[in-house]
């Protein structure tokens, strides 16, 4: 765990010390460790943060399945009022038939 944090910090520091290209693709610059893991392990991979696992999903079809969630397999976190106002009453924030 500690080695993973150090590696991520080193990658971020190296990224911040180099100039950024003029592009809308800022993900590799901001989340260098996640970008590198995505290249190494594929579009779906698991990362541990202490005792909690975090699943990274970068495949649009799988993300679509998760957001549709017909059988209720993926519980959505309760969103705060300001999040609902920002994102609206759509697929990301709504549960159930709606």
PDB file of N, CA and C in Angstrom:
ATOM      1  N   UNK A   1       0.831  -1.189   0.000  1.00  0.00           N
ATOM      2  CA  UNK A   1       0.000   0.000   0.000  1.00  0.00           C
ATOM      3  C   UNK A   1       0.877   1.255   0.000  1.00  0.00           C
ATOM      4  N   UNK A   2       1.831   1.297   0.896  1.00  0.00           N
ATOM      5  CA  UNK A   2       2.709   2.462   0.993  1.00  0.00           C
ATOM      6  C   UNK A   2       3.543   2.628  -0.278  1.00  0.00           C
ATOM      7  N   UNK A   3       4.001   1.518  -0.840  1.00  0.00           N
ATOM      8  CA  UNK A   3       4.788   1.570  -2.078  1.00  0.00           C
ATOM      9  C   UNK A   3       3.938   2.101  -3.225  1.00  0.00           C
ATOM     10  N   UNK A   4       2.660   1.713  -3.249  1.00  0.00           N
ATOM     11  CA  UNK A   4       1.745   2.173  -4.298  1.00  0.00           C
ATOM     12  C   UNK A   4       1.542   3.687  -4.194  1.00  0.00           C
ATOM     13  N   UNK A   5       1.413   4.203  -2.963  1.00  0.00           N
ATOM     14  CA  UNK A   5       1.253   5.650  -2.755  1.00  0.00           C
ATOM     15  C   UNK A   5       2.499   6.397  -3.215  1.00  0.00           C
ATOM     16  N   UNK A   6       3.667   5.859  -2.878  1.00  0.00           N
ATOM     17  CA  UNK A   6       4.921   6.503  -3.270  1.00  0.00           C
ATOM     18  C   UNK A   6       5.073   6.527  -4.783  1.00  0.00           C
ATOM     19  N   UNK A   7       4.719   5.412  -5.432  1.00  0.00           N
ATOM     20  CA  UNK A   7       4.806   5.340  -6.889  1.00  0.00           C
ATOM     21  C   UNK A   7       3.868   6.352  -7.532  1.00  0.00           C
ATOM     22  N   UNK A   8       2.643   6.440  -7.028  1.00  0.00           N
ATOM     23  CA  UNK A   8       1.673   7.396  -7.571  1.00  0.00           C
ATOM     24  C   UNK A   8       2.155   8.825  -7.364  1.00  0.00           C
ATOM     25  N   UNK A   9       2.718   9.119  -6.200  1.00  0.00           N
ATOM     26  CA  UNK A   9       3.230  10.467  -5.922  1.00  0.00           C
ATOM     27  C   UNK A   9       4.404  10.795  -6.832  1.00  0.00           C
ATOM     28  N   UNK A  10       5.293   9.831  -7.057  1.00  0.00           N
ATOM     29  CA  UNK A  10       6.435  10.042  -7.944  1.00  0.00           C
ATOM     30  C   UNK A  10       5.967  10.296  -9.375  1.00  0.00           C
ATOM     31  N   UNK A  11       5.004   9.510  -9.836  1.00  0.00           N
ATOM     32  CA  UNK A  11       4.487   9.686 -11.196  1.00  0.00           C
ATOM     33  C   UNK A  11       3.824  11.050 -11.357  1.00  0.00           C
ATOM     34  N   UNK A  12       3.068  11.487 -10.353  1.00  0.00           N
ATOM     35  CA  UNK A  12       2.409  12.789 -10.412  1.00  0.00           C
ATOM     36  C   UNK A  12       3.441  13.915 -10.410  1.00  0.00           C
ATOM     37  N   UNK A  13       4.462  13.794  -9.577  1.00  0.00           N
ATOM     38  CA  UNK A  13       5.515  14.815  -9.512  1.00  0.00           C
ATOM     39  C   UNK A  13       6.241  14.929 -10.857  1.00  0.00           C
ATOM     40  N   UNK A  14       6.569  13.788 -11.461  1.00  0.00           N
ATOM     41  CA  UNK A  14       7.228  13.808 -12.769  1.00  0.00           C
ATOM     42  C   UNK A  14       6.329  14.432 -13.827  1.00  0.00           C
ATOM     43  N   UNK A  15       5.058  14.122 -13.764  1.00  0.00           N
ATOM     44  CA  UNK A  15       4.102  14.671 -14.732  1.00  0.00           C
ATOM     45  C   UNK A  15       3.981  16.187 -14.587  1.00  0.00           C
ATOM     46  N   UNK A  16       3.943  16.659 -13.353  1.00  0.00           N
ATOM     47  CA  UNK A  16       3.786  18.096 -13.109  1.00  0.00           C
ATOM     48  C   UNK A  16       5.049  18.893 -13.474  1.00  0.00           C
ATOM     49  N   UNK A  17       6.197  18.232 -13.519  1.00  0.00           N
ATOM     50  CA  UNK A  17       7.446  18.912 -13.855  1.00  0.00           C
ATOM     51  C   UNK A  17       7.681  19.040 -15.352  1.00  0.00           C
ATOM     52  N   UNK A  18       6.827  18.425 -16.150  1.00  0.00           N
ATOM     53  CA  UNK A  18       6.972  18.537 -17.597  1.00  0.00           C
ATOM     54  C   UNK A  18       5.840  19.394 -18.152  1.00  0.00           C
ATOM     55  N   UNK A  19       6.102  20.124 -19.238  1.00  0.00           N
ATOM     56  CA  UNK A  19       5.058  20.989 -19.797  1.00  0.00           C
ATOM     57  C   UNK A  19       3.904  20.164 -20.377  1.00  0.00           C
ATOM     58  N   UNK A  20       2.723  20.744 -20.320  1.00  0.00           N
ATOM     59  CA  UNK A  20       1.530  20.064 -20.827  1.00  0.00           C
ATOM     60  C   UNK A  20       1.268  20.483 -22.259  1.00  0.00           C
ATOM     61  N   UNK A  21       0.935  19.513 -23.096  1.00  0.00           N
ATOM     62  CA  UNK A  21       0.587  19.819 -24.474  1.00  0.00           C
ATOM     63  C   UNK A  21      -0.765  20.528 -24.512  1.00  0.00           C
ATOM     64  N   UNK A  22      -0.974  21.331 -25.532  1.00  0.00           N
ATOM     65  CA  UNK A  22      -2.263  21.980 -25.695  1.00  0.00           C
ATOM     66  C   UNK A  22      -3.250  20.960 -26.250  1.00  0.00           C
ATOM     67  N   UNK A  23      -4.076  20.423 -25.349  1.00  0.00           N
ATOM     68  CA  UNK A  23      -5.005  19.365 -25.721  1.00  0.00           C
ATOM     69  C   UNK A  23      -6.095  19.282 -24.668  1.00  0.00           C
ATOM     70  N   UNK A  24      -7.232  18.728 -25.064  1.00  0.00           N
ATOM     71  CA  UNK A  24      -8.309  18.502 -24.103  1.00  0.00           C
ATOM     72  C   UNK A  24      -8.102  17.207 -23.339  1.00  0.00           C
ATOM     73  N   UNK A  25      -7.177  16.372 -23.778  1.00  0.00           N
ATOM     74  CA  UNK A  25      -6.905  15.096 -23.129  1.00  0.00           C
ATOM     75  C   UNK A  25      -5.971  15.320 -21.948  1.00  0.00           C
ATOM     76  N   UNK A  26      -6.539  15.707 -20.798  1.00  0.00           N
ATOM     77  CA  UNK A  26      -5.719  16.035 -19.629  1.00  0.00           C
ATOM     78  C   UNK A  26      -5.624  14.876 -18.640  1.00  0.00           C
ATOM     79  N   UNK A  27      -6.376  13.806 -18.870  1.00  0.00           N
ATOM     80  CA  UNK A  27      -6.375  12.670 -17.948  1.00  0.00           C
ATOM     81  C   UNK A  27      -4.982  12.107 -17.685  1.00  0.00           C
ATOM     82  N   UNK A  28      -4.144  11.879 -18.715  1.00  0.00           N
ATOM     83  CA  UNK A  28      -2.803  11.341 -18.447  1.00  0.00           C
ATOM     84  C   UNK A  28      -1.946  12.280 -17.598  1.00  0.00           C
ATOM     85  N   UNK A  29      -2.217  13.551 -17.645  1.00  0.00           N
ATOM     86  CA  UNK A  29      -1.438  14.524 -16.881  1.00  0.00           C
ATOM     87  C   UNK A  29      -1.897  14.592 -15.428  1.00  0.00           C
ATOM     88  N   UNK A  30      -3.194  14.515 -15.215  1.00  0.00           N
ATOM     89  CA  UNK A  30      -3.740  14.687 -13.871  1.00  0.00           C
ATOM     90  C   UNK A  30      -3.724  13.380 -13.077  1.00  0.00           C
ATOM     91  N   UNK A  31      -4.112  12.283 -13.698  1.00  0.00           N
ATOM     92  CA  UNK A  31      -4.152  10.974 -13.033  1.00  0.00           C
ATOM     93  C   UNK A  31      -3.162  10.032 -13.709  1.00  0.00           C
ATOM     94  N   UNK A  32      -1.892  10.343 -13.579  1.00  0.00           N
ATOM     95  CA  UNK A  32      -0.858   9.573 -14.268  1.00  0.00           C
ATOM     96  C   UNK A  32      -0.842   8.108 -13.862  1.00  0.00           C
ATOM     97  N   UNK A  33      -1.029   7.834 -12.565  1.00  0.00           N
ATOM     98  CA  UNK A  33      -0.981   6.440 -12.099  1.00  0.00           C
ATOM     99  C   UNK A  33      -2.158   5.635 -12.645  1.00  0.00           C
ATOM    100  N   UNK A  34      -3.354   6.218 -12.663  1.00  0.00           N
ATOM    101  CA  UNK A  34      -4.521   5.511 -13.191  1.00  0.00           C
ATOM    102  C   UNK A  34      -4.358   5.293 -14.697  1.00  0.00           C
ATOM    103  N   UNK A  35      -3.838   6.293 -15.384  1.00  0.00           N
ATOM    104  CA  UNK A  35      -3.601   6.170 -16.821  1.00  0.00           C
ATOM    105  C   UNK A  35      -2.604   5.039 -17.110  1.00  0.00           C
ATOM    106  N   UNK A  36      -1.533   4.974 -16.315  1.00  0.00           N
ATOM    107  CA  UNK A  36      -0.520   3.924 -16.505  1.00  0.00           C
ATOM    108  C   UNK A  36      -1.100   2.544 -16.207  1.00  0.00           C
ATOM    109  N   UNK A  37      -1.889   2.426 -15.145  1.00  0.00           N
ATOM    110  CA  UNK A  37      -2.496   1.135 -14.808  1.00  0.00           C
ATOM    111  C   UNK A  37      -3.479   0.713 -15.892  1.00  0.00           C
ATOM    112  N   UNK A  38      -4.210   1.683 -16.444  1.00  0.00           N
ATOM    113  CA  UNK A  38      -5.154   1.394 -17.514  1.00  0.00           C
ATOM    114  C   UNK A  38      -4.416   0.819 -18.726  1.00  0.00           C
ATOM    115  N   UNK A  39      -3.261   1.370 -19.043  1.00  0.00           N
ATOM    116  CA  UNK A  39      -2.465   0.863 -20.164  1.00  0.00           C
ATOM    117  C   UNK A  39      -1.910  -0.533 -19.864  1.00  0.00           C
ATOM    118  N   UNK A  40      -1.510  -0.779 -18.613  1.00  0.00           N
ATOM    119  CA  UNK A  40      -0.915  -2.070 -18.242  1.00  0.00           C
ATOM    120  C   UNK A  40      -1.938  -3.180 -18.051  1.00  0.00           C
ATOM    121  N   UNK A  41      -3.073  -2.874 -17.413  1.00  0.00           N
ATOM    122  CA  UNK A  41      -4.015  -3.916 -16.996  1.00  0.00           C
ATOM    123  C   UNK A  41      -5.294  -3.975 -17.814  1.00  0.00           C
ATOM    124  N   UNK A  42      -5.512  -3.017 -18.701  1.00  0.00           N
ATOM    125  CA  UNK A  42      -6.715  -3.041 -19.521  1.00  0.00           C
ATOM    126  C   UNK A  42      -7.767  -2.057 -19.038  1.00  0.00           C
ATOM    127  N   UNK A  43      -8.952  -2.165 -19.641  1.00  0.00           N
ATOM    128  CA  UNK A  43     -10.012  -1.202 -19.368  1.00  0.00           C
ATOM    129  C   UNK A  43     -10.739  -1.433 -18.054  1.00  0.00           C
ATOM    130  N   UNK A  44     -10.599  -2.612 -17.475  1.00  0.00           N
ATOM    131  CA  UNK A  44     -11.227  -2.914 -16.186  1.00  0.00           C
ATOM    132  C   UNK A  44     -10.150  -3.499 -15.283  1.00  0.00           C
ATOM    133  N   UNK A  45      -9.927  -2.861 -14.124  1.00  0.00           N
ATOM    134  CA  UNK A  45      -8.940  -3.375 -13.192  1.00  0.00           C
ATOM    135  C   UNK A  45      -9.320  -2.996 -11.767  1.00  0.00           C
ATOM    136  N   UNK A  46      -8.745  -3.699 -10.814  1.00  0.00           N
ATOM    137  CA  UNK A  46      -9.042  -3.514  -9.402  1.00  0.00           C
ATOM    138  C   UNK A  46      -7.839  -2.895  -8.721  1.00  0.00           C
ATOM    139  N   UNK A  47      -8.097  -1.911  -7.873  1.00  0.00           N
ATOM    140  CA  UNK A  47      -7.044  -1.264  -7.096  1.00  0.00           C
ATOM    141  C   UNK A  47      -7.471  -1.245  -5.640  1.00  0.00           C
ATOM    142  N   UNK A  48      -6.532  -1.453  -4.739  1.00  0.00           N
ATOM    143  CA  UNK A  48      -6.846  -1.466  -3.313  1.00  0.00           C
ATOM    144  C   UNK A  48      -6.401  -0.167  -2.675  1.00  0.00           C
ATOM    145  N   UNK A  49      -7.262   0.388  -1.852  1.00  0.00           N
ATOM    146  CA  UNK A  49      -6.963   1.580  -1.058  1.00  0.00           C
ATOM    147  C   UNK A  49      -7.177   1.195   0.400  1.00  0.00           C
ATOM    148  N   UNK A  50      -6.109   0.680   1.018  1.00  0.00           N
ATOM    149  CA  UNK A  50      -6.241   0.132   2.360  1.00  0.00           C
ATOM    150  C   UNK A  50      -7.101  -1.112   2.293  1.00  0.00           C
ATOM    151  N   UNK A  51      -8.122  -1.222   3.147  1.00  0.00           N
ATOM    152  CA  UNK A  51      -8.980  -2.408   3.142  1.00  0.00           C
ATOM    153  C   UNK A  51     -10.092  -2.363   2.090  1.00  0.00           C
ATOM    154  N   UNK A  52     -10.206  -1.255   1.362  1.00  0.00           N
ATOM    155  CA  UNK A  52     -11.279  -1.110   0.379  1.00  0.00           C
ATOM    156  C   UNK A  52     -10.759  -1.309  -1.040  1.00  0.00           C
ATOM    157  N   UNK A  53     -11.514  -2.092  -1.795  1.00  0.00           N
ATOM    158  CA  UNK A  53     -11.184  -2.297  -3.208  1.00  0.00           C
ATOM    159  C   UNK A  53     -11.924  -1.262  -4.047  1.00  0.00           C
ATOM    160  N   UNK A  54     -11.276  -0.797  -5.091  1.00  0.00           N
ATOM    161  CA  UNK A  54     -11.899   0.150  -6.010  1.00  0.00           C
ATOM    162  C   UNK A  54     -11.785  -0.428  -7.410  1.00  0.00           C
ATOM    163  N   UNK A  55     -12.930  -0.586  -8.062  1.00  0.00           N
ATOM    164  CA  UNK A  55     -12.974  -1.142  -9.405  1.00  0.00           C
ATOM    165  C   UNK A  55     -12.988   0.001 -10.406  1.00  0.00           C
ATOM    166  N   UNK A  56     -12.021   0.017 -11.307  1.00  0.00           N
ATOM    167  CA  UNK A  56     -11.945   1.021 -12.359  1.00  0.00           C
ATOM    168  C   UNK A  56     -12.512   0.405 -13.635  1.00  0.00           C
ATOM    169  N   UNK A  57     -13.501   1.062 -14.215  1.00  0.00           N
ATOM    170  CA  UNK A  57     -14.144   0.567 -15.429  1.00  0.00           C
ATOM    171  C   UNK A  57     -14.056   1.661 -16.485  1.00  0.00           C
ATOM    172  N   UNK A  58     -13.340   1.382 -17.561  1.00  0.00           N
ATOM    173  CA  UNK A  58     -13.166   2.351 -18.644  1.00  0.00           C
ATOM    174  C   UNK A  58     -13.720   1.840 -19.966  1.00  0.00           C
ATOM    175  N   UNK A  59     -14.538   0.824 -19.915  1.00  0.00           N
ATOM    176  CA  UNK A  59     -15.162   0.275 -21.112  1.00  0.00           C
ATOM    177  C   UNK A  59     -16.591   0.818 -21.203  1.00  0.00           C
ATOM    178  N   UNK A  60     -16.909   1.584 -22.250  1.00  0.00           N
ATOM    179  CA  UNK A  60     -18.233   2.218 -22.347  1.00  0.00           C
ATOM    180  C   UNK A  60     -19.403   1.249 -22.245  1.00  0.00           C
ATOM    181  N   UNK A  61     -19.275   0.049 -22.799  1.00  0.00           N
ATOM    182  CA  UNK A  61     -20.375  -0.918 -22.736  1.00  0.00           C
ATOM    183  C   UNK A  61     -20.619  -1.404 -21.309  1.00  0.00           C
ATOM    184  N   UNK A  62     -19.544  -1.626 -20.562  1.00  0.00           N
ATOM    185  CA  UNK A  62     -19.692  -2.069 -19.173  1.00  0.00           C
ATOM    186  C   UNK A  62     -20.239  -0.928 -18.314  1.00  0.00           C
ATOM    187  N   UNK A  63     -19.776   0.283 -18.549  1.00  0.00           N
ATOM    188  CA  UNK A  63     -20.295   1.442 -17.815  1.00  0.00           C
ATOM    189  C   UNK A  63     -21.786   1.595 -18.076  1.00  0.00           C
ATOM    190  N   UNK A  64     -22.203   1.398 -19.314  1.00  0.00           N
ATOM    191  CA  UNK A  64     -23.620   1.476 -19.679  1.00  0.00           C
ATOM    192  C   UNK A  64     -24.433   0.440 -18.904  1.00  0.00           C
ATOM    193  N   UNK A  65     -23.926  -0.788 -18.827  1.00  0.00           N
ATOM    194  CA  UNK A  65     -24.613  -1.850 -18.076  1.00  0.00           C
ATOM    195  C   UNK A  65     -24.732  -1.490 -16.599  1.00  0.00           C
ATOM    196  N   UNK A  66     -23.659  -0.932 -16.036  1.00  0.00           N
ATOM    197  CA  UNK A  66     -23.677  -0.556 -14.624  1.00  0.00           C
ATOM    198  C   UNK A  66     -24.710   0.538 -14.379  1.00  0.00           C
ATOM    199  N   UNK A  67     -24.745   1.525 -15.254  1.00  0.00           N
ATOM    200  CA  UNK A  67     -25.675   2.640 -15.063  1.00  0.00           C
ATOM    201  C   UNK A  67     -27.125   2.237 -15.310  1.00  0.00           C
ATOM    202  N   UNK A  68     -27.362   1.314 -16.229  1.00  0.00           N
ATOM    203  CA  UNK A  68     -28.736   0.848 -16.476  1.00  0.00           C
ATOM    204  C   UNK A  68     -29.226   0.033 -15.276  1.00  0.00           C
ATOM    205  N   UNK A  69     -28.427  -0.922 -14.793  1.00  0.00           N
ATOM    206  CA  UNK A  69     -28.671  -1.626 -13.543  1.00  0.00           C
ATOM    207  C   UNK A  69     -30.090  -2.175 -13.420  1.00  0.00           C
ATOM    208  N   UNK A  70     -30.554  -2.923 -14.388  1.00  0.00           N
ATOM    209  CA  UNK A  70     -31.925  -3.449 -14.402  1.00  0.00           C
ATOM    210  C   UNK A  70     -32.247  -4.339 -13.207  1.00  0.00           C
ATOM    211  N   UNK A  71     -31.316  -5.181 -12.796  1.00  0.00           N
ATOM    212  CA  UNK A  71     -31.609  -6.127 -11.718  1.00  0.00           C
ATOM    213  C   UNK A  71     -31.171  -5.636 -10.333  1.00  0.00           C
ATOM    214  N   UNK A  72     -30.704  -4.405 -10.216  1.00  0.00           N
ATOM    215  CA  UNK A  72     -30.337  -3.837  -8.915  1.00  0.00           C
ATOM    216  C   UNK A  72     -29.038  -4.373  -8.344  1.00  0.00           C
ATOM    217  N   UNK A  73     -28.160  -4.895  -9.178  1.00  0.00           N
ATOM    218  CA  UNK A  73     -26.895  -5.459  -8.705  1.00  0.00           C
ATOM    219  C   UNK A  73     -25.906  -4.384  -8.246  1.00  0.00           C
ATOM    220  N   UNK A  74     -26.022  -3.197  -8.785  1.00  0.00           N
ATOM    221  CA  UNK A  74     -25.093  -2.118  -8.448  1.00  0.00           C
ATOM    222  C   UNK A  74     -25.851  -1.027  -7.706  1.00  0.00           C
ATOM    223  N   UNK A  75     -25.587  -0.914  -6.430  1.00  0.00           N
ATOM    224  CA  UNK A  75     -26.254   0.117  -5.628  1.00  0.00           C
ATOM    225  C   UNK A  75     -25.619   1.471  -5.903  1.00  0.00           C
ATOM    226  N   UNK A  76     -26.454   2.484  -6.057  1.00  0.00           N
ATOM    227  CA  UNK A  76     -25.950   3.848  -6.252  1.00  0.00           C
ATOM    228  C   UNK A  76     -25.876   4.541  -4.904  1.00  0.00           C
ATOM    229  N   UNK A  77     -24.849   5.339  -4.722  1.00  0.00           N
ATOM    230  CA  UNK A  77     -24.721   6.099  -3.482  1.00  0.00           C
ATOM    231  C   UNK A  77     -25.802   7.171  -3.447  1.00  0.00           C
ATOM    232  N   UNK A  78     -26.277   7.449  -2.265  1.00  0.00           N
ATOM    233  CA  UNK A  78     -27.264   8.523  -2.125  1.00  0.00           C
ATOM    234  C   UNK A  78     -26.585   9.830  -2.501  1.00  0.00           C
ATOM    235  N   UNK A  79     -27.164  10.543  -3.435  1.00  0.00           N
ATOM    236  CA  UNK A  79     -26.550  11.791  -3.863  1.00  0.00           C
ATOM    237  C   UNK A  79     -27.099  12.951  -3.042  1.00  0.00           C
ATOM    238  N   UNK A  80     -26.243  13.890  -2.786  1.00  0.00           N
ATOM    239  CA  UNK A  80     -26.652  15.094  -2.056  1.00  0.00           C
ATOM    240  C   UNK A  80     -27.462  15.985  -2.973  1.00  0.00           C
ATOM    241  N   UNK A  81     -28.160  16.904  -2.374  1.00  0.00           N
ATOM    242  CA  UNK A  81     -29.066  17.774  -3.131  1.00  0.00           C
ATOM    243  C   UNK A  81     -28.329  18.569  -4.204  1.00  0.00           C
ATOM    244  N   UNK A  82     -27.146  19.091  -3.876  1.00  0.00           N
ATOM    245  CA  UNK A  82     -26.421  19.890  -4.867  1.00  0.00           C
ATOM    246  C   UNK A  82     -25.956  19.035  -6.048  1.00  0.00           C
ATOM    247  N   UNK A  83     -25.665  17.748  -5.811  1.00  0.00           N
ATOM    248  CA  UNK A  83     -25.279  16.855  -6.906  1.00  0.00           C
ATOM    249  C   UNK A  83     -26.469  16.631  -7.826  1.00  0.00           C
ATOM    250  N   UNK A  84     -27.640  16.433  -7.237  1.00  0.00           N
ATOM    251  CA  UNK A  84     -28.856  16.250  -8.024  1.00  0.00           C
ATOM    252  C   UNK A  84     -29.162  17.496  -8.852  1.00  0.00           C
ATOM    253  N   UNK A  85     -28.924  18.669  -8.272  1.00  0.00           N
ATOM    254  CA  UNK A  85     -29.158  19.913  -9.011  1.00  0.00           C
ATOM    255  C   UNK A  85     -28.162  20.059 -10.156  1.00  0.00           C
ATOM    256  N   UNK A  86     -26.929  19.623  -9.923  1.00  0.00           N
ATOM    257  CA  UNK A  86     -25.885  19.729 -10.941  1.00  0.00           C
ATOM    258  C   UNK A  86     -26.102  18.726 -12.074  1.00  0.00           C
ATOM    259  N   UNK A  87     -26.390  17.467 -11.732  1.00  0.00           N
ATOM    260  CA  UNK A  87     -26.505  16.404 -12.734  1.00  0.00           C
ATOM    261  C   UNK A  87     -27.928  16.186 -13.230  1.00  0.00           C
ATOM    262  N   UNK A  88     -28.900  16.703 -12.502  1.00  0.00           N
ATOM    263  CA  UNK A  88     -30.286  16.526 -12.904  1.00  0.00           C
ATOM    264  C   UNK A  88     -30.846  15.207 -12.410  1.00  0.00           C
ATOM    265  N   UNK A  89     -32.026  14.891 -12.873  1.00  0.00           N
ATOM    266  CA  UNK A  89     -32.720  13.680 -12.448  1.00  0.00           C
ATOM    267  C   UNK A  89     -32.591  12.635 -13.555  1.00  0.00           C
ATOM    268  N   UNK A  90     -31.362  12.174 -13.783  1.00  0.00           N
ATOM    269  CA  UNK A  90     -31.106  11.267 -14.898  1.00  0.00           C
ATOM    270  C   UNK A  90     -30.555   9.930 -14.456  1.00  0.00           C
ATOM    271  N   UNK A  91     -29.867   9.278 -15.341  1.00  0.00           N
ATOM    272  CA  UNK A  91     -29.369   7.923 -15.165  1.00  0.00           C
ATOM    273  C   UNK A  91     -28.382   7.790 -14.008  1.00  0.00           C
ATOM    274  N   UNK A  92     -27.568   8.801 -13.796  1.00  0.00           N
ATOM    275  CA  UNK A  92     -26.547   8.731 -12.754  1.00  0.00           C
ATOM    276  C   UNK A  92     -27.149   8.804 -11.357  1.00  0.00           C
ATOM    277  N   UNK A  93     -28.210   9.589 -11.178  1.00  0.00           N
ATOM    278  CA  UNK A  93     -28.745   9.838  -9.842  1.00  0.00           C
ATOM    279  C   UNK A  93     -30.037   9.093  -9.525  1.00  0.00           C
ATOM    280  N   UNK A  94     -30.716   8.537 -10.511  1.00  0.00           N
ATOM    281  CA  UNK A  94     -32.036   7.957 -10.311  1.00  0.00           C
ATOM    282  C   UNK A  94     -31.982   6.466 -10.062  1.00  0.00           C
ATOM    283  N   UNK A  95     -32.839   5.990  -9.165  1.00  0.00           N
ATOM    284  CA  UNK A  95     -32.995   4.558  -8.885  1.00  0.00           C
ATOM    285  C   UNK A  95     -34.380   4.122  -9.322  1.00  0.00           C
ATOM    286  N   UNK A  96     -34.553   2.849  -9.595  1.00  0.00           N
ATOM    287  CA  UNK A  96     -35.864   2.287  -9.859  1.00  0.00           C
ATOM    288  C   UNK A  96     -36.326   2.459 -11.300  1.00  0.00           C
ATOM    289  N   UNK A  97     -37.657   2.406 -11.494  1.00  0.00           N
ATOM    290  CA  UNK A  97     -38.240   2.436 -12.833  1.00  0.00           C
ATOM    291  C   UNK A  97     -37.917   3.710 -13.596  1.00  0.00           C
ATOM    292  N   UNK A  98     -37.956   4.831 -12.902  1.00  0.00           N
ATOM    293  CA  UNK A  98     -37.726   6.113 -13.564  1.00  0.00           C
ATOM    294  C   UNK A  98     -36.365   6.112 -14.228  1.00  0.00           C
TER     295      UNK A  98
END
